[in-house]
Structure formats: structure tokens, C-alpha cells
Amino acid sequence: MTILRYHLDPRTETIVAIYLLHHASVLPMLDRVARLLARLSYSVGQVDSKGVTVLSGFTHESLARMLGCTREAVSRELANIESSGLIQRHYGKLLIPDITALIEASDGIVGGEPIVPSYQ
């Protein structure tokens, strides 16, 4: 299995598959999209001079593939998240002014699992 250009060994592949299945079956689509954006923000987001996290290079189709859903579902939920003021869509980029607010909007923790682990 290849996820985000990484080849996974069979054991890790199984763990990832179970994780994705769990989230697909338990979380509402809005929370799944918000959690994915938060994770991507922390892992590959770039912070601009205003402190806004910028995600670029992700199409609605690529986000949908990561979530195992349709492009239309991702587009709908991105519009919902944008209407709540948590993100802005701008010329192929997603702007996230406050990652913490985005995390809190998706409850931050589901089943005791933090979105982004604390390494303190």
C-alpha cells in the first residue's frame, strides 16, 4: 500500500487500514475533513508572515482519496468549514488562520486519541 508516497510494510498497512476504517465508520465527514486538515497543517503546512498556515498542492480529489470518500463530499465539507471561518480557500491553497480552533471544532479528541500527539 502506498499512502502519500510512502511504501508501507504489510503490518503497518494493516494498522493504517484499521485506523482509516475506524475513522470512516465512526466520525462524521465534517470531523474527518477537519482532522485531516489539522494533521496536514502540522506535518506539511507552511506558516506565512501573518502566522497563517498554508496548505498547497492538495486537490479536493487528493483529499478525498486520503479520506476514502468522494470529491463532492470533501468539497461540501470544505465549504461548511470555510463558512464557519476556520479555513479560507484561495487559488489552490487552503489557509488555516488558527489550527487550534480547527481542532477544537472537530472535538480535538475522539475516543481518547488526540489529533496531534503531544511530545512534551
Protein backbone atom coordinates (compact mmCIF):
# COMPACT_ATOMS: atom_id res chain seq x y z
CA MET A 1 0.00 0.00 0.00
CA THR A 2 1.27 3.47 -0.83
CA ILE A 3 -0.01 6.42 1.18
CA LEU A 4 1.32 9.90 0.44
CA ARG A 5 4.26 8.43 -1.48
CA TYR A 6 5.36 6.11 1.34
CA HIS A 7 5.52 2.37 0.85
CA LEU A 8 4.28 0.56 3.94
CA ASP A 9 5.20 -2.90 5.15
CA PRO A 10 2.26 -5.37 5.48
CA ARG A 11 1.93 -4.98 9.26
CA THR A 12 1.85 -1.18 9.09
CA GLU A 13 -0.50 -1.39 6.12
CA THR A 14 -2.95 -3.37 8.25
CA ILE A 15 -2.73 -0.85 11.10
CA VAL A 16 -3.34 2.06 8.71
CA ALA A 17 -6.27 0.24 7.11
CA ILE A 18 -7.88 -0.40 10.51
CA TYR A 19 -7.30 3.24 11.52
CA LEU A 20 -8.89 4.53 8.30
CA LEU A 21 -11.80 2.12 8.61
CA HIS A 22 -12.41 3.17 12.22
CA HIS A 23 -12.50 6.85 11.31
CA ALA A 24 -14.64 6.23 8.25
CA SER A 25 -17.19 4.34 10.31
CA VAL A 26 -17.27 6.49 13.46
CA LEU A 27 -16.65 10.13 12.60
CA PRO A 28 -18.94 12.45 10.69
CA MET A 29 -17.45 13.61 7.39
CA LEU A 30 -17.03 17.18 8.68
CA ASP A 31 -14.83 15.95 11.53
CA ARG A 32 -12.86 13.65 9.24
CA VAL A 33 -12.04 16.54 6.89
CA ALA A 34 -11.18 18.90 9.76
CA ARG A 35 -8.92 16.31 11.39
CA LEU A 36 -7.15 15.62 8.09
CA LEU A 37 -6.56 19.34 7.55
CA ALA A 38 -5.18 19.69 11.08
CA ARG A 39 -2.80 16.76 10.59
CA LEU A 40 -1.64 18.04 7.21
CA SER A 41 -1.16 21.51 8.68
CA TYR A 42 1.18 20.19 11.34
CA SER A 43 3.06 17.87 9.01
CA VAL A 44 3.42 19.76 5.72
CA GLY A 45 1.85 23.19 6.27
CA GLN A 46 3.88 26.33 5.77
CA VAL A 47 3.34 29.30 8.08
CA ASP A 48 3.28 32.65 6.28
CA SER A 49 4.38 36.04 7.63
CA LYS A 50 0.93 36.61 9.19
CA GLY A 51 1.05 33.33 11.11
CA VAL A 52 -1.49 31.65 8.83
CA THR A 53 -0.81 28.01 7.95
CA VAL A 54 -0.90 27.43 4.20
CA LEU A 55 -1.61 24.03 2.65
CA SER A 56 -0.87 23.90 -1.05
CA GLY A 57 -0.76 21.12 -3.59
CA PHE A 58 -3.84 19.30 -2.35
CA THR A 59 -6.81 18.97 -4.66
CA HIS A 60 -10.27 18.04 -3.45
CA GLU A 61 -9.72 14.74 -5.24
CA SER A 62 -6.45 14.03 -3.38
CA LEU A 63 -8.07 14.86 -0.03
CA ALA A 64 -10.97 12.56 -0.93
CA ARG A 65 -8.57 9.71 -1.70
CA MET A 66 -6.88 10.20 1.68
CA LEU A 67 -10.27 10.00 3.39
CA GLY A 68 -11.73 7.24 1.25
CA CYS A 69 -14.71 9.31 0.14
CA THR A 70 -15.90 11.27 -2.89
CA ARG A 71 -14.56 14.58 -4.12
CA GLU A 72 -18.05 16.02 -3.80
CA ALA A 73 -18.19 15.14 -0.10
CA VAL A 74 -14.85 16.84 0.52
CA SER A 75 -15.93 19.93 -1.45
CA ARG A 76 -19.16 20.16 0.55
CA GLU A 77 -17.39 19.86 3.91
CA LEU A 78 -14.64 22.32 2.93
CA ALA A 79 -17.40 24.80 2.10
CA ASN A 80 -19.00 24.15 5.51
CA ILE A 81 -15.69 24.61 7.31
CA GLU A 82 -14.97 27.77 5.32
CA SER A 83 -18.42 29.21 6.13
CA SER A 84 -17.63 28.78 9.83
CA GLY A 85 -14.48 30.87 9.35
CA LEU A 86 -11.99 28.12 10.21
CA ILE A 87 -10.35 27.98 6.77
CA GLN A 88 -10.12 30.09 3.65
CA ARG A 89 -9.78 28.70 0.13
CA HIS A 90 -7.60 30.81 -2.11
CA TYR A 91 -6.26 29.92 -5.59
CA GLY A 92 -5.50 26.24 -4.98
CA LYS A 93 -4.42 26.79 -1.39
CA LEU A 94 -6.10 26.22 1.92
CA LEU A 95 -5.39 28.90 4.51
CA ILE A 96 -5.82 27.94 8.16
CA PRO A 97 -5.59 31.00 10.42
CA ASP A 98 -5.90 29.06 13.68
CA ILE A 99 -5.13 25.33 13.78
CA THR A 100 -6.20 25.11 17.41
CA ALA A 101 -9.68 26.43 16.55
CA LEU A 102 -9.92 23.91 13.72
CA ILE A 103 -9.00 21.08 16.10
CA GLU A 104 -11.45 22.27 18.74
CA ALA A 105 -14.20 22.44 16.12
CA SER A 106 -13.73 18.74 15.45
CA ASP A 107 -13.72 17.97 19.18
CA GLY A 108 -9.92 17.66 19.37
CA ILE A 109 -10.12 14.17 20.77
CA VAL A 110 -12.17 11.22 19.59
CA GLY A 111 -12.04 8.06 21.63
CA GLY A 112 -9.15 9.40 23.71
CA GLU A 113 -6.91 9.88 20.66
CA PRO A 114 -5.50 13.38 20.21
CA ILE A 115 -5.37 14.71 16.65
CA VAL A 116 -1.74 15.65 17.02
CA PRO A 117 0.25 13.86 19.71
CA SER A 118 1.93 15.89 22.40
CA TYR A 119 5.66 15.32 22.56
CA GLN A 120 6.26 17.06 25.87
